[in-house]
Amino acid sequence: MKKRNQIWNAFLAAFPYTTPIFAGFLFLGIAYGIYMNSLGFSAVYPILMSLIIFAGSMEFVAANLLLVAFNPINALFLTLMVNARHLFYGLSMLDRYKGTGKKKFYLIYGLCDESFSINCTVDAPKGTDKGWFMFFVTLLNHLYWVMGAAIGGIFGSLVQFNTEGLDFVMTALFVVIFIEQWMKEKKHHNALVGLGISAVSLMMFGESHFIIPAMIAILSMLTVFRKPLEKVEAVA
């Protein structure tokens, strides 16, 4: 009974921190579900992909990968590049995940940008189990995304409407992410590096093959010059 109360208290403590994410995940998930339907996939696909993959931007990319010739190497490198930031997330969460027992496996699996930002910066309220608190933050965010994708997938399959131009949703997603990052930074060195390398790669490799070379070059450049860029940001 005591353990049940402990778990319930952790859920109640975690829920308020995830409510702002609920709205974002729900509407973006609905857009993803409808987008998948517009590509010809049944509602089962966005539901299972959101449940198993749980990597928002990569799920949009994966939708297009399912429509082209099977190329596992290309898919692997593209996935690594799109989600490379999670390597750094994971390393920074090693200490916080200590002592969480078997919950650690799900905490690692369900780590996303939003769960990271909460679990990294928010301490569990006094008297609340830290492991269960982080577990419910991760689980709730995961469920919000699955719920949105399910609603979008089912709605798209039941209601027939003109989906022309809906494939632009993925482009819009990355544009919004870029703008948010631009507005957060006082100095825009990282963004300018990304834009510059992408432009050069586009000219060198063409629009069909420039993404992976560009992302590898961006990751390498930012890794090599990380410390000088951090010093510039600190001065700013």
C-alpha atoms as a PDB file:
ATOM      1  CA  MET A   1       0.000   0.000   0.000  1.00  0.00           C
ATOM      2  CA  LYS A   2       2.839   2.352   0.874  1.00  0.00           C
ATOM      3  CA  LYS A   3       4.566   1.663  -2.440  1.00  0.00           C
ATOM      4  CA  ARG A   4       1.308   2.243  -4.313  1.00  0.00           C
ATOM      5  CA  ASN A   5       0.919   5.619  -2.623  1.00  0.00           C
ATOM      6  CA  GLN A   6       4.525   6.430  -3.433  1.00  0.00           C
ATOM      7  CA  ILE A   7       3.937   5.691  -7.121  1.00  0.00           C
ATOM      8  CA  TRP A   8       0.682   7.660  -7.187  1.00  0.00           C
ATOM      9  CA  ASN A   9       2.340  10.656  -5.521  1.00  0.00           C
ATOM     10  CA  ALA A  10       5.118  10.553  -8.124  1.00  0.00           C
ATOM     11  CA  PHE A  11       2.525  10.551 -10.900  1.00  0.00           C
ATOM     12  CA  LEU A  12       0.699  13.543  -9.386  1.00  0.00           C
ATOM     13  CA  ALA A  13       4.001  15.407  -9.006  1.00  0.00           C
ATOM     14  CA  ALA A  14       5.111  14.699 -12.591  1.00  0.00           C
ATOM     15  CA  PHE A  15       1.828  15.418 -14.383  1.00  0.00           C
ATOM     16  CA  PRO A  16       1.772  19.256 -14.024  1.00  0.00           C
ATOM     17  CA  TYR A  17       5.248  19.534 -15.526  1.00  0.00           C
ATOM     18  CA  THR A  18       4.121  17.663 -18.644  1.00  0.00           C
ATOM     19  CA  THR A  19       0.853  19.506 -19.324  1.00  0.00           C
ATOM     20  CA  PRO A  20       2.465  22.200 -21.528  1.00  0.00           C
ATOM     21  CA  ILE A  21       4.013  19.411 -23.597  1.00  0.00           C
ATOM     22  CA  PHE A  22       0.635  17.709 -23.937  1.00  0.00           C
ATOM     23  CA  ALA A  23      -0.751  20.424 -26.222  1.00  0.00           C
ATOM     24  CA  GLY A  24       2.324  20.509 -28.437  1.00  0.00           C
ATOM     25  CA  PHE A  25       2.669  16.746 -28.743  1.00  0.00           C
ATOM     26  CA  LEU A  26      -1.044  16.249 -29.318  1.00  0.00           C
ATOM     27  CA  PHE A  27      -1.333  18.640 -32.254  1.00  0.00           C
ATOM     28  CA  LEU A  28       2.022  17.706 -33.774  1.00  0.00           C
ATOM     29  CA  GLY A  29       1.147  14.020 -33.356  1.00  0.00           C
ATOM     30  CA  ILE A  30      -2.197  14.582 -35.090  1.00  0.00           C
ATOM     31  CA  ALA A  31      -0.385  16.265 -37.979  1.00  0.00           C
ATOM     32  CA  TYR A  32       2.001  13.297 -38.151  1.00  0.00           C
ATOM     33  CA  GLY A  33      -0.864  10.777 -38.189  1.00  0.00           C
ATOM     34  CA  ILE A  34      -2.686  12.645 -40.957  1.00  0.00           C
ATOM     35  CA  TYR A  35       0.573  13.033 -42.854  1.00  0.00           C
ATOM     36  CA  MET A  36       1.193   9.280 -42.733  1.00  0.00           C
ATOM     37  CA  ASN A  37      -2.344   8.681 -43.999  1.00  0.00           C
ATOM     38  CA  SER A  38      -1.783  11.128 -46.860  1.00  0.00           C
ATOM     39  CA  LEU A  39       1.183   8.980 -47.934  1.00  0.00           C
ATOM     40  CA  GLY A  40      -1.077   5.935 -48.113  1.00  0.00           C
ATOM     41  CA  PHE A  41      -0.401   4.290 -44.724  1.00  0.00           C
ATOM     42  CA  SER A  42      -3.165   3.015 -42.474  1.00  0.00           C
ATOM     43  CA  ALA A  43      -3.584   4.285 -38.900  1.00  0.00           C
ATOM     44  CA  VAL A  44      -1.672   1.263 -37.616  1.00  0.00           C
ATOM     45  CA  TYR A  45       1.608   2.664 -38.961  1.00  0.00           C
ATOM     46  CA  PRO A  46       1.707   6.022 -37.126  1.00  0.00           C
ATOM     47  CA  ILE A  47       0.434   4.363 -33.937  1.00  0.00           C
ATOM     48  CA  LEU A  48       3.118   1.676 -33.918  1.00  0.00           C
ATOM     49  CA  MET A  49       5.867   3.999 -35.131  1.00  0.00           C
ATOM     50  CA  SER A  50       5.104   6.604 -32.469  1.00  0.00           C
ATOM     51  CA  LEU A  51       4.995   3.875 -29.824  1.00  0.00           C
ATOM     52  CA  ILE A  52       8.173   2.051 -30.853  1.00  0.00           C
ATOM     53  CA  ILE A  53      10.384   4.682 -32.488  1.00  0.00           C
ATOM     54  CA  PHE A  54       9.322   7.703 -30.393  1.00  0.00           C
ATOM     55  CA  ALA A  55      11.580  10.196 -32.137  1.00  0.00           C
ATOM     56  CA  GLY A  56       9.322  12.921 -33.506  1.00  0.00           C
ATOM     57  CA  SER A  57      11.414  14.476 -36.267  1.00  0.00           C
ATOM     58  CA  MET A  58      12.853  11.100 -37.275  1.00  0.00           C
ATOM     59  CA  GLU A  59       9.366   9.636 -37.592  1.00  0.00           C
ATOM     60  CA  PHE A  60       8.540  12.231 -40.236  1.00  0.00           C
ATOM     61  CA  VAL A  61      11.759  11.311 -42.032  1.00  0.00           C
ATOM     62  CA  ALA A  62      11.015   7.579 -41.654  1.00  0.00           C
ATOM     63  CA  ALA A  63       7.650   8.079 -43.349  1.00  0.00           C
ATOM     64  CA  ASN A  64       9.473   9.107 -46.523  1.00  0.00           C
ATOM     65  CA  LEU A  65      12.084   6.369 -46.150  1.00  0.00           C
ATOM     66  CA  LEU A  66       9.270   3.807 -46.318  1.00  0.00           C
ATOM     67  CA  LEU A  67       8.356   5.073 -49.780  1.00  0.00           C
ATOM     68  CA  VAL A  68      11.782   4.777 -51.391  1.00  0.00           C
ATOM     69  CA  ALA A  69      14.022   1.835 -52.235  1.00  0.00           C
ATOM     70  CA  PHE A  70      15.243  -0.027 -49.130  1.00  0.00           C
ATOM     71  CA  ASN A  71      18.650   1.325 -48.159  1.00  0.00           C
ATOM     72  CA  PRO A  72      19.517   0.328 -44.553  1.00  0.00           C
ATOM     73  CA  ILE A  73      22.906   2.081 -44.564  1.00  0.00           C
ATOM     74  CA  ASN A  74      21.374   5.365 -45.649  1.00  0.00           C
ATOM     75  CA  ALA A  75      18.597   4.988 -43.066  1.00  0.00           C
ATOM     76  CA  LEU A  76      21.113   4.194 -40.312  1.00  0.00           C
ATOM     77  CA  PHE A  77      23.330   7.212 -40.977  1.00  0.00           C
ATOM     78  CA  LEU A  78      20.374   9.533 -41.426  1.00  0.00           C
ATOM     79  CA  THR A  79      18.912   8.380 -38.111  1.00  0.00           C
ATOM     80  CA  LEU A  80      22.235   8.827 -36.321  1.00  0.00           C
ATOM     81  CA  MET A  81      22.642  12.325 -37.716  1.00  0.00           C
ATOM     82  CA  VAL A  82      19.092  13.483 -36.975  1.00  0.00           C
ATOM     83  CA  ASN A  83      19.220  12.153 -33.413  1.00  0.00           C
ATOM     84  CA  ALA A  84      22.915  12.640 -32.637  1.00  0.00           C
ATOM     85  CA  ARG A  85      22.014  15.135 -29.884  1.00  0.00           C
ATOM     86  CA  HIS A  86      20.654  12.241 -27.832  1.00  0.00           C
ATOM     87  CA  LEU A  87      24.202  10.962 -27.381  1.00  0.00           C
ATOM     88  CA  PHE A  88      24.960  14.085 -25.357  1.00  0.00           C
ATOM     89  CA  TYR A  89      21.583  13.938 -23.585  1.00  0.00           C
ATOM     90  CA  GLY A  90      22.274  10.379 -22.519  1.00  0.00           C
ATOM     91  CA  LEU A  91      25.744  11.119 -21.189  1.00  0.00           C
ATOM     92  CA  SER A  92      24.507  14.054 -19.134  1.00  0.00           C
ATOM     93  CA  MET A  93      21.724  11.937 -17.602  1.00  0.00           C
ATOM     94  CA  LEU A  94      23.931   9.071 -16.372  1.00  0.00           C
ATOM     95  CA  ASP A  95      24.217  10.462 -12.839  1.00  0.00           C
ATOM     96  CA  ARG A  96      20.521  11.374 -12.556  1.00  0.00           C
ATOM     97  CA  TYR A  97      19.471   7.875 -13.614  1.00  0.00           C
ATOM     98  CA  LYS A  98      21.572   6.202 -10.918  1.00  0.00           C
ATOM     99  CA  GLY A  99      19.561   4.262  -8.375  1.00  0.00           C
ATOM    100  CA  THR A 100      16.413   4.074 -10.503  1.00  0.00           C
ATOM    101  CA  GLY A 101      16.557   0.282 -10.800  1.00  0.00           C
ATOM    102  CA  LYS A 102      14.783  -1.383 -13.713  1.00  0.00           C
ATOM    103  CA  LYS A 103      13.067   1.906 -14.553  1.00  0.00           C
ATOM    104  CA  LYS A 104      16.390   3.042 -16.008  1.00  0.00           C
ATOM    105  CA  PHE A 105      15.809   0.931 -19.132  1.00  0.00           C
ATOM    106  CA  TYR A 106      12.604   2.752 -19.988  1.00  0.00           C
ATOM    107  CA  LEU A 107      14.070   6.121 -19.004  1.00  0.00           C
ATOM    108  CA  ILE A 108      16.841   5.569 -21.540  1.00  0.00           C
ATOM    109  CA  TYR A 109      14.466   4.277 -24.206  1.00  0.00           C
ATOM    110  CA  GLY A 110      11.933   7.078 -23.758  1.00  0.00           C
ATOM    111  CA  LEU A 111      14.392   9.972 -23.552  1.00  0.00           C
ATOM    112  CA  CYS A 112      13.296  12.852 -25.779  1.00  0.00           C
ATOM    113  CA  ASP A 113      14.033  16.589 -25.840  1.00  0.00           C
ATOM    114  CA  GLU A 114      11.079  17.481 -23.631  1.00  0.00           C
ATOM    115  CA  SER A 115      11.621  14.709 -21.064  1.00  0.00           C
ATOM    116  CA  PHE A 116      15.300  15.592 -20.934  1.00  0.00           C
ATOM    117  CA  SER A 117      14.584  19.269 -20.254  1.00  0.00           C
ATOM    118  CA  ILE A 118      12.248  18.402 -17.353  1.00  0.00           C
ATOM    119  CA  ASN A 119      14.211  15.558 -15.787  1.00  0.00           C
ATOM    120  CA  CYS A 120      17.489  17.432 -16.139  1.00  0.00           C
ATOM    121  CA  THR A 121      16.337  20.675 -14.527  1.00  0.00           C
ATOM    122  CA  VAL A 122      13.516  19.708 -12.144  1.00  0.00           C
ATOM    123  CA  ASP A 123      14.180  17.922  -8.874  1.00  0.00           C
ATOM    124  CA  ALA A 124      11.491  15.597  -7.590  1.00  0.00           C
ATOM    125  CA  PRO A 125       9.428  17.285  -4.824  1.00  0.00           C
ATOM    126  CA  LYS A 126      10.417  16.456  -1.284  1.00  0.00           C
ATOM    127  CA  GLY A 127       9.136  13.044  -0.264  1.00  0.00           C
ATOM    128  CA  THR A 128       8.675  11.929  -3.900  1.00  0.00           C
ATOM    129  CA  ASP A 129      10.685   9.059  -5.305  1.00  0.00           C
ATOM    130  CA  LYS A 130      13.076  10.466  -7.921  1.00  0.00           C
ATOM    131  CA  GLY A 131      12.995   7.380 -10.121  1.00  0.00           C
ATOM    132  CA  TRP A 132       9.208   7.213 -10.312  1.00  0.00           C
ATOM    133  CA  PHE A 133       8.985  10.965 -10.885  1.00  0.00           C
ATOM    134  CA  MET A 134      11.296  10.798 -13.921  1.00  0.00           C
ATOM    135  CA  PHE A 135       9.558   7.624 -15.083  1.00  0.00           C
ATOM    136  CA  PHE A 136       6.147   9.313 -15.199  1.00  0.00           C
ATOM    137  CA  VAL A 137       7.532  12.427 -16.885  1.00  0.00           C
ATOM    138  CA  THR A 138       8.916  10.171 -19.615  1.00  0.00           C
ATOM    139  CA  LEU A 139       5.845   7.933 -19.813  1.00  0.00           C
ATOM    140  CA  LEU A 140       3.340  10.796 -19.984  1.00  0.00           C
ATOM    141  CA  ASN A 141       5.253  12.550 -22.752  1.00  0.00           C
ATOM    142  CA  HIS A 142       5.441   9.263 -24.634  1.00  0.00           C
ATOM    143  CA  LEU A 143       1.701   8.691 -24.265  1.00  0.00           C
ATOM    144  CA  TYR A 144       0.895  12.222 -25.449  1.00  0.00           C
ATOM    145  CA  TRP A 145       2.789  11.614 -28.662  1.00  0.00           C
ATOM    146  CA  VAL A 146       1.188   8.207 -29.258  1.00  0.00           C
ATOM    147  CA  MET A 147      -2.245   9.670 -28.536  1.00  0.00           C
ATOM    148  CA  GLY A 148      -1.766  12.463 -31.057  1.00  0.00           C
ATOM    149  CA  ALA A 149      -0.474  10.097 -33.753  1.00  0.00           C
ATOM    150  CA  ALA A 150      -3.378   7.706 -33.117  1.00  0.00           C
ATOM    151  CA  ILE A 151      -5.985  10.473 -33.373  1.00  0.00           C
ATOM    152  CA  GLY A 152      -4.396  11.814 -36.553  1.00  0.00           C
ATOM    153  CA  GLY A 153      -4.065   8.388 -38.143  1.00  0.00           C
ATOM    154  CA  ILE A 154      -7.637   7.352 -37.343  1.00  0.00           C
ATOM    155  CA  PHE A 155      -9.083  10.744 -38.300  1.00  0.00           C
ATOM    156  CA  GLY A 156      -7.193  10.716 -41.594  1.00  0.00           C
ATOM    157  CA  SER A 157      -8.461   7.238 -42.454  1.00  0.00           C
ATOM    158  CA  LEU A 158     -12.097   7.983 -41.598  1.00  0.00           C
ATOM    159  CA  VAL A 159     -12.486  11.498 -42.978  1.00  0.00           C
ATOM    160  CA  GLN A 160     -11.699  12.081 -46.618  1.00  0.00           C
ATOM    161  CA  PHE A 161     -10.363  15.534 -47.412  1.00  0.00           C
ATOM    162  CA  ASN A 162      -7.844  17.151 -49.718  1.00  0.00           C
ATOM    163  CA  THR A 163      -4.358  16.568 -48.293  1.00  0.00           C
ATOM    164  CA  GLU A 164      -2.510  18.331 -51.105  1.00  0.00           C
ATOM    165  CA  GLY A 165       0.463  20.168 -49.658  1.00  0.00           C
ATOM    166  CA  LEU A 166       0.384  18.268 -46.378  1.00  0.00           C
ATOM    167  CA  ASP A 167       3.796  16.792 -47.129  1.00  0.00           C
ATOM    168  CA  PHE A 168       5.155  20.280 -46.395  1.00  0.00           C
ATOM    169  CA  VAL A 169       4.490  19.620 -42.693  1.00  0.00           C
ATOM    170  CA  MET A 170       7.923  18.005 -42.265  1.00  0.00           C
ATOM    171  CA  THR A 171       9.653  20.992 -43.851  1.00  0.00           C
ATOM    172  CA  ALA A 172       7.606  23.312 -41.645  1.00  0.00           C
ATOM    173  CA  LEU A 173       8.590  21.304 -38.558  1.00  0.00           C
ATOM    174  CA  PHE A 174      12.307  21.759 -39.169  1.00  0.00           C
ATOM    175  CA  VAL A 175      11.864  25.411 -40.105  1.00  0.00           C
ATOM    176  CA  VAL A 176      10.080  26.063 -36.790  1.00  0.00           C
ATOM    177  CA  ILE A 177      12.789  24.199 -34.838  1.00  0.00           C
ATOM    178  CA  PHE A 178      15.459  26.258 -36.607  1.00  0.00           C
ATOM    179  CA  ILE A 179      13.666  29.547 -35.888  1.00  0.00           C
ATOM    180  CA  GLU A 180      13.233  28.638 -32.199  1.00  0.00           C
ATOM    181  CA  GLN A 181      16.930  27.851 -31.869  1.00  0.00           C
ATOM    182  CA  TRP A 182      17.824  31.066 -33.702  1.00  0.00           C
ATOM    183  CA  MET A 183      15.697  33.137 -31.319  1.00  0.00           C
ATOM    184  CA  LYS A 184      17.159  31.452 -28.223  1.00  0.00           C
ATOM    185  CA  GLU A 185      20.777  32.119 -29.180  1.00  0.00           C
ATOM    186  CA  LYS A 186      22.385  35.540 -28.781  1.00  0.00           C
ATOM    187  CA  LYS A 187      25.091  34.562 -31.224  1.00  0.00           C
ATOM    188  CA  HIS A 188      24.178  32.498 -34.277  1.00  0.00           C
ATOM    189  CA  HIS A 189      27.449  30.738 -35.027  1.00  0.00           C
ATOM    190  CA  ASN A 190      25.959  27.236 -34.834  1.00  0.00           C
ATOM    191  CA  ALA A 191      23.057  28.106 -37.128  1.00  0.00           C
ATOM    192  CA  LEU A 192      25.321  29.849 -39.628  1.00  0.00           C
ATOM    193  CA  VAL A 193      27.697  26.870 -39.677  1.00  0.00           C
ATOM    194  CA  GLY A 194      24.732  24.608 -40.410  1.00  0.00           C
ATOM    195  CA  LEU A 195      23.387  26.843 -43.162  1.00  0.00           C
ATOM    196  CA  GLY A 196      26.800  27.299 -44.763  1.00  0.00           C
ATOM    197  CA  ILE A 197      27.727  23.618 -44.804  1.00  0.00           C
ATOM    198  CA  SER A 198      24.258  22.643 -46.037  1.00  0.00           C
ATOM    199  CA  ALA A 199      24.509  25.110 -48.920  1.00  0.00           C
ATOM    200  CA  VAL A 200      27.965  23.829 -49.919  1.00  0.00           C
ATOM    201  CA  SER A 201      26.813  20.192 -49.694  1.00  0.00           C
ATOM    202  CA  LEU A 202      23.753  20.974 -51.804  1.00  0.00           C
ATOM    203  CA  MET A 203      25.951  22.419 -54.549  1.00  0.00           C
ATOM    204  CA  MET A 204      28.441  19.538 -54.346  1.00  0.00           C
ATOM    205  CA  PHE A 205      26.139  16.516 -54.004  1.00  0.00           C
ATOM    206  CA  GLY A 206      22.792  17.695 -55.378  1.00  0.00           C
ATOM    207  CA  GLU A 207      19.393  17.793 -53.688  1.00  0.00           C
ATOM    208  CA  SER A 208      19.004  14.001 -53.565  1.00  0.00           C
ATOM    209  CA  HIS A 209      22.252  13.201 -51.750  1.00  0.00           C
ATOM    210  CA  PHE A 210      23.358  16.262 -49.782  1.00  0.00           C
ATOM    211  CA  ILE A 211      21.657  15.584 -46.403  1.00  0.00           C
ATOM    212  CA  ILE A 212      23.960  12.910 -44.956  1.00  0.00           C
ATOM    213  CA  PRO A 213      27.268  14.575 -46.037  1.00  0.00           C
ATOM    214  CA  ALA A 214      25.980  17.892 -44.693  1.00  0.00           C
ATOM    215  CA  MET A 215      24.959  16.452 -41.318  1.00  0.00           C
ATOM    216  CA  ILE A 216      28.241  14.559 -40.922  1.00  0.00           C
ATOM    217  CA  ALA A 217      30.190  17.726 -41.735  1.00  0.00           C
ATOM    218  CA  ILE A 218      28.053  19.852 -39.369  1.00  0.00           C
ATOM    219  CA  LEU A 219      28.451  17.377 -36.510  1.00  0.00           C
ATOM    220  CA  SER A 220      32.218  17.139 -37.091  1.00  0.00           C
ATOM    221  CA  MET A 221      32.647  20.907 -37.335  1.00  0.00           C
ATOM    222  CA  LEU A 222      30.636  21.667 -34.191  1.00  0.00           C
ATOM    223  CA  THR A 223      32.442  18.918 -32.272  1.00  0.00           C
ATOM    224  CA  VAL A 224      35.905  20.165 -33.247  1.00  0.00           C
ATOM    225  CA  PHE A 225      35.106  23.822 -32.560  1.00  0.00           C
ATOM    226  CA  ARG A 226      32.793  23.245 -29.593  1.00  0.00           C
ATOM    227  CA  LYS A 227      35.029  24.866 -26.964  1.00  0.00           C
ATOM    228  CA  PRO A 228      35.848  28.028 -28.972  1.00  0.00           C
ATOM    229  CA  LEU A 229      32.138  28.466 -29.781  1.00  0.00           C
ATOM    230  CA  GLU A 230      31.193  27.990 -26.119  1.00  0.00           C
ATOM    231  CA  LYS A 231      33.696  30.686 -25.113  1.00  0.00           C
ATOM    232  CA  VAL A 232      32.202  33.084 -27.651  1.00  0.00           C
ATOM    233  CA  GLU A 233      28.682  32.335 -26.347  1.00  0.00           C
ATOM    234  CA  ALA A 234      29.850  32.884 -22.757  1.00  0.00           C
ATOM    235  CA  VAL A 235      31.343  36.282 -23.609  1.00  0.00           C
ATOM    236  CA  ALA A 236      28.113  37.271 -25.328  1.00  0.00           C
END
